[in-house]
């Protein structure tokens, strides 16, 4: 394996880490879940930094990195709901946003049959939303270890719901614009 493949390998490691994270979460081993999730977060930061620092960005990486994030976050949110920590309404809102993103990306790339080299770039709102969702997971895990933080939970849910809704709307607008441009090229 060449060094240029390291960012993609780190994304694959993040996908693999999803399994022990969810198992630890379902067993209510919150400290272990927190440590594994933090390690997965480090792989996310590293893959992006290495790709940009050494110009190793690739179309595969532009698909694999967000896919790893989606798998990790969606599985963790599902686990948090399953053990009774995350409310169903917030889980559904997060999943609807992710469905919008994935459906839009699939529709765009299926319509882009000319092997475009365009890389997928997350929007600024989406990056902010992902940071907030990660912060929510970390907060909820820490809250299970140190119960005193419970007072901020509802406020954090509202912030996450707002950023998730804005990010979903932003992506919907992005995919609509890309679809219109595609159709105009035909």
N, C-alpha and C. Protein backbone atom coordinates (compact mmCIF):
# COMPACT_ATOMS: atom_id res chain seq x y z
N UNK A 1 0.84 -1.18 0.00
CA UNK A 1 0.00 0.00 0.00
C UNK A 1 0.89 1.25 0.00
N UNK A 2 0.61 2.17 -0.90
CA UNK A 2 1.39 3.40 -0.95
C UNK A 2 0.85 4.38 0.09
N UNK A 3 1.69 5.34 0.44
CA UNK A 3 1.32 6.35 1.43
C UNK A 3 0.11 7.14 0.98
N UNK A 4 -0.07 7.29 -0.34
CA UNK A 4 -1.19 8.06 -0.87
C UNK A 4 -2.54 7.41 -0.56
N UNK A 5 -2.54 6.12 -0.23
CA UNK A 5 -3.78 5.41 0.11
C UNK A 5 -4.13 5.51 1.59
N UNK A 6 -3.24 6.11 2.39
CA UNK A 6 -3.46 6.19 3.84
C UNK A 6 -4.79 6.86 4.21
N UNK A 7 -5.16 8.00 3.60
CA UNK A 7 -6.45 8.59 3.97
C UNK A 7 -7.63 7.62 3.76
N UNK A 8 -7.62 6.88 2.65
CA UNK A 8 -8.71 5.93 2.40
C UNK A 8 -8.66 4.77 3.39
N UNK A 9 -7.45 4.33 3.75
CA UNK A 9 -7.31 3.26 4.75
C UNK A 9 -7.86 3.72 6.10
N UNK A 10 -7.62 4.97 6.46
CA UNK A 10 -8.14 5.50 7.72
C UNK A 10 -9.67 5.57 7.70
N UNK A 11 -10.24 5.88 6.55
CA UNK A 11 -11.71 5.88 6.43
C UNK A 11 -12.26 4.47 6.61
N UNK A 12 -11.57 3.49 6.05
CA UNK A 12 -11.99 2.09 6.20
C UNK A 12 -11.87 1.65 7.66
N UNK A 13 -10.81 2.09 8.33
CA UNK A 13 -10.66 1.78 9.76
C UNK A 13 -11.84 2.36 10.54
N UNK A 14 -12.27 3.58 10.18
CA UNK A 14 -13.40 4.21 10.86
C UNK A 14 -14.68 3.39 10.66
N UNK A 15 -14.86 2.86 9.47
CA UNK A 15 -16.03 2.01 9.21
C UNK A 15 -15.96 0.76 10.08
N UNK A 16 -14.78 0.15 10.16
CA UNK A 16 -14.59 -1.06 10.96
C UNK A 16 -14.81 -0.77 12.44
N UNK A 17 -14.36 0.41 12.91
CA UNK A 17 -14.53 0.78 14.32
C UNK A 17 -16.00 0.92 14.72
N UNK A 18 -16.87 1.09 13.74
CA UNK A 18 -18.29 1.23 14.04
C UNK A 18 -18.81 0.02 14.80
N UNK A 19 -18.34 -1.17 14.44
CA UNK A 19 -18.83 -2.40 15.07
C UNK A 19 -18.52 -2.42 16.57
N UNK A 20 -17.25 -2.26 17.00
CA UNK A 20 -17.01 -2.28 18.45
C UNK A 20 -17.64 -1.10 19.18
N UNK A 21 -17.78 0.02 18.50
CA UNK A 21 -18.43 1.17 19.14
C UNK A 21 -19.88 0.84 19.46
N UNK A 22 -20.60 0.30 18.50
CA UNK A 22 -22.01 -0.02 18.71
C UNK A 22 -22.16 -1.16 19.73
N UNK A 23 -21.29 -2.15 19.67
CA UNK A 23 -21.36 -3.25 20.65
C UNK A 23 -21.15 -2.72 22.06
N UNK A 24 -20.12 -1.87 22.23
CA UNK A 24 -19.86 -1.30 23.56
C UNK A 24 -21.04 -0.44 24.02
N UNK A 25 -21.62 0.31 23.10
CA UNK A 25 -22.77 1.15 23.44
C UNK A 25 -23.97 0.31 23.86
N UNK A 26 -24.26 -0.75 23.10
CA UNK A 26 -25.40 -1.60 23.43
C UNK A 26 -25.20 -2.34 24.75
N UNK A 27 -23.92 -2.58 25.11
CA UNK A 27 -23.62 -3.20 26.40
C UNK A 27 -23.54 -2.16 27.52
N UNK A 28 -23.85 -0.90 27.16
CA UNK A 28 -23.84 0.23 28.08
C UNK A 28 -22.47 0.43 28.73
N UNK A 29 -21.43 0.16 27.98
CA UNK A 29 -20.05 0.42 28.41
C UNK A 29 -19.66 1.79 27.84
N UNK A 30 -20.15 2.84 28.51
CA UNK A 30 -20.06 4.18 27.95
C UNK A 30 -18.64 4.73 27.89
N UNK A 31 -17.81 4.40 28.86
CA UNK A 31 -16.43 4.88 28.82
C UNK A 31 -15.68 4.25 27.64
N UNK A 32 -15.86 2.97 27.43
CA UNK A 32 -15.23 2.30 26.29
C UNK A 32 -15.78 2.86 24.97
N UNK A 33 -17.09 3.06 24.91
CA UNK A 33 -17.71 3.65 23.72
C UNK A 33 -17.10 5.02 23.45
N UNK A 34 -16.96 5.82 24.49
CA UNK A 34 -16.40 7.16 24.35
C UNK A 34 -14.96 7.10 23.83
N UNK A 35 -14.15 6.22 24.38
CA UNK A 35 -12.75 6.11 23.94
C UNK A 35 -12.67 5.65 22.49
N UNK A 36 -13.45 4.65 22.12
CA UNK A 36 -13.45 4.17 20.73
C UNK A 36 -13.95 5.25 19.77
N UNK A 37 -14.98 5.97 20.18
CA UNK A 37 -15.53 7.03 19.34
C UNK A 37 -14.50 8.15 19.15
N UNK A 38 -13.80 8.49 20.22
CA UNK A 38 -12.74 9.50 20.11
C UNK A 38 -11.64 9.04 19.16
N UNK A 39 -11.27 7.76 19.24
CA UNK A 39 -10.25 7.22 18.34
C UNK A 39 -10.73 7.29 16.89
N UNK A 40 -12.00 6.97 16.67
CA UNK A 40 -12.57 7.08 15.32
C UNK A 40 -12.52 8.54 14.84
N UNK A 41 -12.77 9.46 15.76
CA UNK A 41 -12.70 10.88 15.42
C UNK A 41 -11.29 11.30 15.02
N UNK A 42 -10.30 10.73 15.69
CA UNK A 42 -8.91 11.03 15.35
C UNK A 42 -8.60 10.53 13.94
N UNK A 43 -9.09 9.33 13.59
CA UNK A 43 -8.86 8.83 12.23
C UNK A 43 -9.51 9.74 11.20
N UNK A 44 -10.67 10.32 11.54
CA UNK A 44 -11.36 11.23 10.63
C UNK A 44 -10.52 12.49 10.42
N UNK A 45 -10.05 13.06 11.50
CA UNK A 45 -9.23 14.27 11.39
C UNK A 45 -7.94 13.99 10.62
N UNK A 46 -7.32 12.86 10.91
CA UNK A 46 -6.06 12.51 10.24
C UNK A 46 -6.25 12.27 8.75
N UNK A 47 -7.30 11.55 8.37
CA UNK A 47 -7.45 11.26 6.94
C UNK A 47 -7.65 12.55 6.14
N UNK A 48 -8.42 13.47 6.69
CA UNK A 48 -8.61 14.75 6.01
C UNK A 48 -7.34 15.58 5.94
N UNK A 49 -6.62 15.62 7.05
CA UNK A 49 -5.39 16.41 7.10
C UNK A 49 -4.34 15.83 6.14
N UNK A 50 -4.16 14.52 6.16
CA UNK A 50 -3.17 13.88 5.28
C UNK A 50 -3.54 14.09 3.82
N UNK A 51 -4.82 13.92 3.50
CA UNK A 51 -5.26 14.08 2.11
C UNK A 51 -4.99 15.49 1.61
N UNK A 52 -5.27 16.49 2.44
CA UNK A 52 -5.06 17.88 2.02
C UNK A 52 -3.58 18.26 2.06
N UNK A 53 -2.89 17.87 3.11
CA UNK A 53 -1.48 18.23 3.29
C UNK A 53 -0.60 17.69 2.17
N UNK A 54 -0.86 16.48 1.73
CA UNK A 54 -0.01 15.83 0.73
C UNK A 54 -0.69 15.71 -0.64
N UNK A 55 -1.81 16.43 -0.80
CA UNK A 55 -2.56 16.40 -2.06
C UNK A 55 -2.94 14.99 -2.49
N UNK A 56 -3.44 14.21 -1.53
CA UNK A 56 -3.87 12.84 -1.80
C UNK A 56 -5.38 12.76 -1.99
N UNK A 57 -6.03 13.89 -2.25
CA UNK A 57 -7.48 13.87 -2.44
C UNK A 57 -7.81 13.08 -3.71
N UNK A 58 -8.84 12.28 -3.60
CA UNK A 58 -9.26 11.47 -4.75
C UNK A 58 -10.77 11.39 -4.75
N UNK A 59 -11.30 11.01 -5.88
CA UNK A 59 -12.74 10.83 -5.98
C UNK A 59 -13.20 9.73 -5.00
N UNK A 60 -12.42 8.64 -4.94
CA UNK A 60 -12.75 7.57 -3.99
C UNK A 60 -12.78 8.11 -2.56
N UNK A 61 -11.78 8.88 -2.20
CA UNK A 61 -11.73 9.46 -0.87
C UNK A 61 -12.87 10.41 -0.60
N UNK A 62 -13.30 11.16 -1.64
CA UNK A 62 -14.40 12.11 -1.47
C UNK A 62 -15.73 11.38 -1.25
N UNK A 63 -15.77 10.11 -1.61
CA UNK A 63 -16.96 9.29 -1.37
C UNK A 63 -16.80 8.48 -0.08
N UNK A 64 -15.62 7.88 0.10
CA UNK A 64 -15.35 6.98 1.22
C UNK A 64 -15.38 7.71 2.57
N UNK A 65 -14.78 8.91 2.64
CA UNK A 65 -14.73 9.64 3.91
C UNK A 65 -16.12 10.00 4.44
N UNK A 66 -16.98 10.65 3.63
CA UNK A 66 -18.31 10.93 4.16
C UNK A 66 -19.14 9.67 4.40
N UNK A 67 -18.90 8.62 3.60
CA UNK A 67 -19.61 7.36 3.82
C UNK A 67 -19.23 6.77 5.18
N UNK A 68 -17.94 6.82 5.51
CA UNK A 68 -17.48 6.32 6.82
C UNK A 68 -18.11 7.14 7.94
N UNK A 69 -18.16 8.46 7.75
CA UNK A 69 -18.80 9.33 8.75
C UNK A 69 -20.27 8.98 8.92
N UNK A 70 -20.97 8.80 7.79
CA UNK A 70 -22.41 8.49 7.85
C UNK A 70 -22.65 7.15 8.56
N UNK A 71 -21.84 6.15 8.22
CA UNK A 71 -22.00 4.84 8.84
C UNK A 71 -21.75 4.93 10.35
N UNK A 72 -20.66 5.60 10.72
CA UNK A 72 -20.31 5.72 12.14
C UNK A 72 -21.37 6.51 12.90
N UNK A 73 -21.74 7.69 12.38
CA UNK A 73 -22.70 8.52 13.10
C UNK A 73 -24.08 7.89 13.13
N UNK A 74 -24.55 7.38 11.99
CA UNK A 74 -25.90 6.77 11.96
C UNK A 74 -25.98 5.57 12.90
N UNK A 75 -24.95 4.74 12.89
CA UNK A 75 -24.95 3.55 13.77
C UNK A 75 -24.90 3.96 15.23
N UNK A 76 -24.10 4.97 15.53
CA UNK A 76 -23.99 5.43 16.92
C UNK A 76 -25.30 6.05 17.38
N UNK A 77 -25.91 6.88 16.52
CA UNK A 77 -27.20 7.47 16.89
C UNK A 77 -28.27 6.40 17.07
N UNK A 78 -28.27 5.40 16.22
CA UNK A 78 -29.22 4.30 16.35
C UNK A 78 -28.99 3.56 17.68
N UNK A 79 -27.73 3.32 18.02
CA UNK A 79 -27.40 2.69 19.30
C UNK A 79 -27.83 3.54 20.49
N UNK A 80 -27.61 4.85 20.39
CA UNK A 80 -28.02 5.76 21.48
C UNK A 80 -29.54 5.74 21.66
N UNK A 81 -30.27 5.66 20.54
CA UNK A 81 -31.72 5.54 20.63
C UNK A 81 -32.10 4.20 21.26
N UNK A 82 -31.44 3.14 20.82
CA UNK A 82 -31.77 1.78 21.28
C UNK A 82 -31.63 1.65 22.79
N UNK A 83 -30.61 2.28 23.37
CA UNK A 83 -30.40 2.17 24.82
C UNK A 83 -31.16 3.26 25.58
N UNK A 84 -31.98 4.03 24.86
CA UNK A 84 -32.86 4.99 25.53
C UNK A 84 -32.24 6.33 25.85
N UNK A 85 -31.18 6.70 25.16
CA UNK A 85 -30.50 7.96 25.45
C UNK A 85 -30.93 9.06 24.48
N UNK A 86 -31.18 8.72 23.23
CA UNK A 86 -31.53 9.70 22.19
C UNK A 86 -33.02 9.59 21.88
N UNK A 87 -33.74 10.73 21.80
CA UNK A 87 -35.18 10.65 21.47
C UNK A 87 -35.39 10.26 20.01
N UNK A 88 -36.50 9.58 19.75
CA UNK A 88 -36.84 9.10 18.42
C UNK A 88 -36.97 10.24 17.42
N UNK A 89 -37.58 11.35 17.80
CA UNK A 89 -37.79 12.45 16.87
C UNK A 89 -36.48 12.99 16.32
N UNK A 90 -35.45 13.04 17.17
CA UNK A 90 -34.15 13.55 16.72
C UNK A 90 -33.46 12.53 15.83
N UNK A 91 -33.57 11.26 16.18
CA UNK A 91 -33.02 10.19 15.34
C UNK A 91 -33.64 10.25 13.94
N UNK A 92 -34.95 10.40 13.86
CA UNK A 92 -35.63 10.45 12.57
C UNK A 92 -35.22 11.67 11.76
N UNK A 93 -35.07 12.81 12.42
CA UNK A 93 -34.64 14.03 11.73
C UNK A 93 -33.24 13.86 11.14
N UNK A 94 -32.34 13.28 11.92
CA UNK A 94 -30.97 13.03 11.46
C UNK A 94 -30.98 12.07 10.27
N UNK A 95 -31.79 11.01 10.35
CA UNK A 95 -31.85 10.04 9.26
C UNK A 95 -32.46 10.64 7.99
N UNK A 96 -33.49 11.48 8.13
CA UNK A 96 -34.09 12.11 6.96
C UNK A 96 -33.06 12.99 6.25
N UNK A 97 -32.28 13.74 7.01
CA UNK A 97 -31.23 14.57 6.42
C UNK A 97 -30.23 13.70 5.66
N UNK A 98 -29.81 12.60 6.28
CA UNK A 98 -28.84 11.72 5.63
C UNK A 98 -29.41 11.09 4.36
N UNK A 99 -30.70 10.76 4.38
CA UNK A 99 -31.34 10.20 3.18
C UNK A 99 -31.34 11.25 2.07
N UNK A 100 -31.61 12.50 2.41
CA UNK A 100 -31.58 13.58 1.42
C UNK A 100 -30.19 13.68 0.79
N UNK A 101 -29.16 13.63 1.63
CA UNK A 101 -27.79 13.76 1.13
C UNK A 101 -27.43 12.58 0.23
N UNK A 102 -27.69 11.37 0.71
CA UNK A 102 -27.31 10.18 -0.06
C UNK A 102 -28.11 10.09 -1.36
N UNK A 103 -29.41 10.35 -1.29
CA UNK A 103 -30.24 10.29 -2.50
C UNK A 103 -29.79 11.33 -3.52
N UNK A 104 -29.49 12.52 -3.05
CA UNK A 104 -29.01 13.57 -3.95
C UNK A 104 -27.68 13.21 -4.59
N UNK A 105 -26.77 12.68 -3.79
CA UNK A 105 -25.46 12.29 -4.32
C UNK A 105 -25.60 11.17 -5.35
N UNK A 106 -26.42 10.18 -5.02
CA UNK A 106 -26.63 9.07 -5.97
C UNK A 106 -27.26 9.57 -7.27
N UNK A 107 -28.27 10.38 -7.13
CA UNK A 107 -28.93 10.93 -8.32
C UNK A 107 -27.98 11.75 -9.16
N UNK A 108 -27.15 12.54 -8.52
CA UNK A 108 -26.18 13.36 -9.25
C UNK A 108 -25.17 12.50 -9.98
N UNK A 109 -24.59 11.53 -9.28
CA UNK A 109 -23.55 10.72 -9.91
C UNK A 109 -24.10 9.74 -10.94
N UNK A 110 -25.34 9.29 -10.76
CA UNK A 110 -25.94 8.44 -11.79
C UNK A 110 -26.23 9.25 -13.06
N UNK A 111 -26.56 10.52 -12.88
CA UNK A 111 -26.79 11.39 -14.02
C UNK A 111 -25.50 11.87 -14.65
N UNK A 112 -24.41 11.79 -13.97
CA UNK A 112 -23.10 12.25 -14.41
C UNK A 112 -22.34 11.06 -15.00
N UNK A 113 -22.76 10.60 -16.16
CA UNK A 113 -22.19 9.40 -16.76
C UNK A 113 -20.89 9.64 -17.51
N UNK A 114 -20.41 10.89 -17.55
CA UNK A 114 -19.21 11.18 -18.33
C UNK A 114 -17.93 11.06 -17.50
N UNK A 115 -17.99 10.31 -16.41
CA UNK A 115 -16.81 10.09 -15.55
C UNK A 115 -16.20 11.39 -15.08
N UNK A 116 -17.02 12.29 -14.59
CA UNK A 116 -16.55 13.56 -14.07
C UNK A 116 -15.54 13.33 -12.95
N UNK A 117 -14.55 14.17 -12.91
CA UNK A 117 -13.54 14.05 -11.85
C UNK A 117 -13.87 14.96 -10.67
N UNK A 118 -15.06 15.54 -10.67
CA UNK A 118 -15.45 16.43 -9.59
C UNK A 118 -15.48 15.67 -8.26
N UNK A 119 -14.88 16.27 -7.24
CA UNK A 119 -14.87 15.67 -5.90
C UNK A 119 -16.09 16.15 -5.13
N UNK A 120 -16.62 15.27 -4.30
CA UNK A 120 -17.71 15.66 -3.42
C UNK A 120 -17.15 16.51 -2.29
N UNK A 121 -17.69 17.69 -2.11
CA UNK A 121 -17.27 18.56 -1.02
C UNK A 121 -18.47 18.85 -0.14
N UNK A 122 -18.34 18.63 1.16
CA UNK A 122 -19.47 18.97 2.04
C UNK A 122 -19.64 20.48 2.13
N UNK A 123 -20.88 20.93 2.32
CA UNK A 123 -21.14 22.35 2.47
C UNK A 123 -20.68 22.81 3.85
N UNK A 124 -20.54 24.12 4.01
CA UNK A 124 -20.11 24.68 5.29
C UNK A 124 -21.12 24.35 6.39
N UNK A 125 -22.40 24.47 6.07
CA UNK A 125 -23.44 24.15 7.06
C UNK A 125 -23.35 22.67 7.45
N UNK A 126 -23.08 21.82 6.47
CA UNK A 126 -22.97 20.39 6.74
C UNK A 126 -21.79 20.09 7.65
N UNK A 127 -20.66 20.74 7.40
CA UNK A 127 -19.49 20.55 8.27
C UNK A 127 -19.82 20.96 9.70
N UNK A 128 -20.48 22.10 9.84
CA UNK A 128 -20.87 22.60 11.16
C UNK A 128 -21.83 21.62 11.83
N UNK A 129 -22.79 21.12 11.06
CA UNK A 129 -23.76 20.17 11.59
C UNK A 129 -23.07 18.88 12.05
N UNK A 130 -22.11 18.40 11.26
CA UNK A 130 -21.39 17.18 11.64
C UNK A 130 -20.63 17.40 12.95
N UNK A 131 -20.00 18.55 13.10
CA UNK A 131 -19.30 18.86 14.35
C UNK A 131 -20.28 18.86 15.52
N UNK A 132 -21.45 19.45 15.31
CA UNK A 132 -22.47 19.47 16.37
C UNK A 132 -22.98 18.06 16.69
N UNK A 133 -23.17 17.24 15.66
CA UNK A 133 -23.64 15.87 15.90
C UNK A 133 -22.59 15.07 16.67
N UNK A 134 -21.34 15.24 16.33
CA UNK A 134 -20.27 14.56 17.06
C UNK A 134 -20.24 15.05 18.51
N UNK A 135 -20.38 16.37 18.68
CA UNK A 135 -20.41 16.94 20.03
C UNK A 135 -21.58 16.37 20.83
N UNK A 136 -22.74 16.19 20.17
CA UNK A 136 -23.90 15.60 20.85
C UNK A 136 -23.60 14.19 21.32
N UNK A 137 -23.01 13.38 20.45
CA UNK A 137 -22.66 12.01 20.83
C UNK A 137 -21.70 12.02 22.02
N UNK A 138 -20.67 12.83 21.93
CA UNK A 138 -19.70 12.91 23.04
C UNK A 138 -20.38 13.37 24.33
N UNK A 139 -21.23 14.40 24.21
CA UNK A 139 -21.95 14.91 25.37
C UNK A 139 -22.84 13.84 25.99
N UNK A 140 -23.59 13.12 25.16
CA UNK A 140 -24.49 12.09 25.68
C UNK A 140 -23.72 10.96 26.35
N UNK A 141 -22.56 10.60 25.79
CA UNK A 141 -21.74 9.55 26.40
C UNK A 141 -21.15 10.03 27.73
N UNK A 142 -20.64 11.26 27.73
CA UNK A 142 -20.08 11.81 28.97
C UNK A 142 -21.18 11.95 30.02
N UNK A 143 -22.38 12.32 29.56
CA UNK A 143 -23.51 12.46 30.48
C UNK A 143 -23.84 11.13 31.16
N UNK A 144 -23.63 10.02 30.47
CA UNK A 144 -23.91 8.71 31.07
C UNK A 144 -22.88 8.38 32.16
N UNK A 145 -21.69 8.98 32.04
CA UNK A 145 -20.63 8.73 33.02
C UNK A 145 -20.75 9.73 34.18
N UNK A 146 -21.04 10.99 33.85
CA UNK A 146 -21.18 12.07 34.83
C UNK A 146 -22.57 12.68 34.68
N UNK A 147 -23.50 12.23 35.48
CA UNK A 147 -24.93 12.56 35.34
C UNK A 147 -25.22 14.06 35.49
N UNK A 148 -24.37 14.85 36.14
CA UNK A 148 -24.66 16.25 36.44
C UNK A 148 -24.91 17.11 35.20
N UNK A 149 -24.51 16.66 34.02
CA UNK A 149 -24.63 17.45 32.81
C UNK A 149 -26.03 17.40 32.20
N UNK A 150 -26.96 16.72 32.80
CA UNK A 150 -28.28 16.47 32.25
C UNK A 150 -29.08 17.73 31.90
N UNK A 151 -28.79 18.86 32.53
CA UNK A 151 -29.59 20.07 32.34
C UNK A 151 -29.45 20.68 30.95
N UNK A 152 -28.36 20.42 30.26
CA UNK A 152 -28.12 21.01 28.94
C UNK A 152 -28.67 20.16 27.79
N UNK A 153 -29.16 18.98 28.10
CA UNK A 153 -29.53 18.02 27.07
C UNK A 153 -30.61 18.56 26.12
N UNK A 154 -31.72 19.08 26.63
CA UNK A 154 -32.80 19.56 25.77
C UNK A 154 -32.36 20.72 24.89
N UNK A 155 -31.55 21.63 25.47
CA UNK A 155 -31.06 22.75 24.69
C UNK A 155 -30.17 22.25 23.54
N UNK A 156 -29.34 21.26 23.81
CA UNK A 156 -28.46 20.70 22.79
C UNK A 156 -29.28 19.99 21.71
N UNK A 157 -30.35 19.31 22.09
CA UNK A 157 -31.22 18.66 21.11
C UNK A 157 -31.80 19.69 20.13
N UNK A 158 -32.23 20.83 20.65
CA UNK A 158 -32.80 21.88 19.80
C UNK A 158 -31.75 22.44 18.85
N UNK A 159 -30.55 22.67 19.34
CA UNK A 159 -29.46 23.17 18.49
C UNK A 159 -29.15 22.17 17.38
N UNK A 160 -29.06 20.89 17.75
CA UNK A 160 -28.76 19.85 16.76
C UNK A 160 -29.90 19.73 15.74
N UNK A 161 -31.14 19.77 16.21
CA UNK A 161 -32.29 19.68 15.31
C UNK A 161 -32.29 20.85 14.33
N UNK A 162 -31.99 22.04 14.82
CA UNK A 162 -31.95 23.22 13.95
C UNK A 162 -30.85 23.09 12.90
N UNK A 163 -29.64 22.74 13.32
CA UNK A 163 -28.53 22.63 12.36
C UNK A 163 -28.77 21.48 11.38
N UNK A 164 -29.38 20.40 11.85
CA UNK A 164 -29.68 19.27 10.97
C UNK A 164 -30.70 19.68 9.91
N UNK A 165 -31.75 20.37 10.33
CA UNK A 165 -32.76 20.84 9.39
C UNK A 165 -32.18 21.81 8.37
N UNK A 166 -31.36 22.76 8.83
CA UNK A 166 -30.72 23.72 7.92
C UNK A 166 -29.78 23.01 6.95
N UNK A 167 -29.03 22.05 7.46
CA UNK A 167 -28.10 21.31 6.60
C UNK A 167 -28.86 20.49 5.56
N UNK A 168 -29.94 19.86 5.95
CA UNK A 168 -30.75 19.09 5.00
C UNK A 168 -31.33 19.99 3.92
N UNK A 169 -31.83 21.16 4.31
CA UNK A 169 -32.37 22.11 3.33
C UNK A 169 -31.27 22.62 2.40
N UNK A 170 -30.09 22.88 2.96
CA UNK A 170 -28.95 23.33 2.17
C UNK A 170 -28.56 22.29 1.12
N UNK A 171 -28.53 21.03 1.53
CA UNK A 171 -28.20 19.97 0.58
C UNK A 171 -29.29 19.80 -0.47
N UNK A 172 -30.55 19.93 -0.06
CA UNK A 172 -31.63 19.81 -1.03
C UNK A 172 -31.46 20.90 -2.10
N UNK A 173 -31.16 22.11 -1.67
CA UNK A 173 -30.96 23.21 -2.60
C UNK A 173 -29.75 22.93 -3.50
N UNK A 174 -28.67 22.40 -2.93
CA UNK A 174 -27.47 22.06 -3.70
C UNK A 174 -27.78 21.03 -4.78
N UNK A 175 -28.50 19.96 -4.43
CA UNK A 175 -28.82 18.92 -5.40
C UNK A 175 -29.77 19.43 -6.48
N UNK A 176 -30.69 20.30 -6.11
CA UNK A 176 -31.60 20.89 -7.10
C UNK A 176 -30.80 21.72 -8.10
N UNK A 177 -29.87 22.54 -7.60
CA UNK A 177 -29.04 23.35 -8.51
C UNK A 177 -28.20 22.46 -9.43
N UNK A 178 -27.58 21.41 -8.87
CA UNK A 178 -26.77 20.51 -9.68
C UNK A 178 -27.61 19.79 -10.73
N UNK A 179 -28.82 19.40 -10.37
CA UNK A 179 -29.72 18.73 -11.31
C UNK A 179 -30.09 19.68 -12.45
N UNK A 180 -30.39 20.93 -12.11
CA UNK A 180 -30.75 21.92 -13.13
C UNK A 180 -29.57 22.15 -14.08
N UNK A 181 -28.36 22.24 -13.52
CA UNK A 181 -27.16 22.41 -14.37
C UNK A 181 -26.94 21.21 -15.27
N UNK A 182 -27.15 20.01 -14.73
CA UNK A 182 -27.02 18.79 -15.53
C UNK A 182 -27.99 18.79 -16.70
N UNK A 183 -29.23 19.14 -16.41
CA UNK A 183 -30.25 19.15 -17.45
C UNK A 183 -29.96 20.22 -18.51
N UNK A 184 -29.41 21.35 -18.06
CA UNK A 184 -29.09 22.42 -18.99
C UNK A 184 -27.96 22.02 -19.94
N UNK A 185 -27.05 21.13 -19.50
CA UNK A 185 -25.93 20.67 -20.33
C UNK A 185 -26.39 19.72 -21.41
N UNK A 186 -27.53 19.07 -21.22
CA UNK A 186 -28.00 18.05 -22.18
C UNK A 186 -28.51 18.64 -23.46
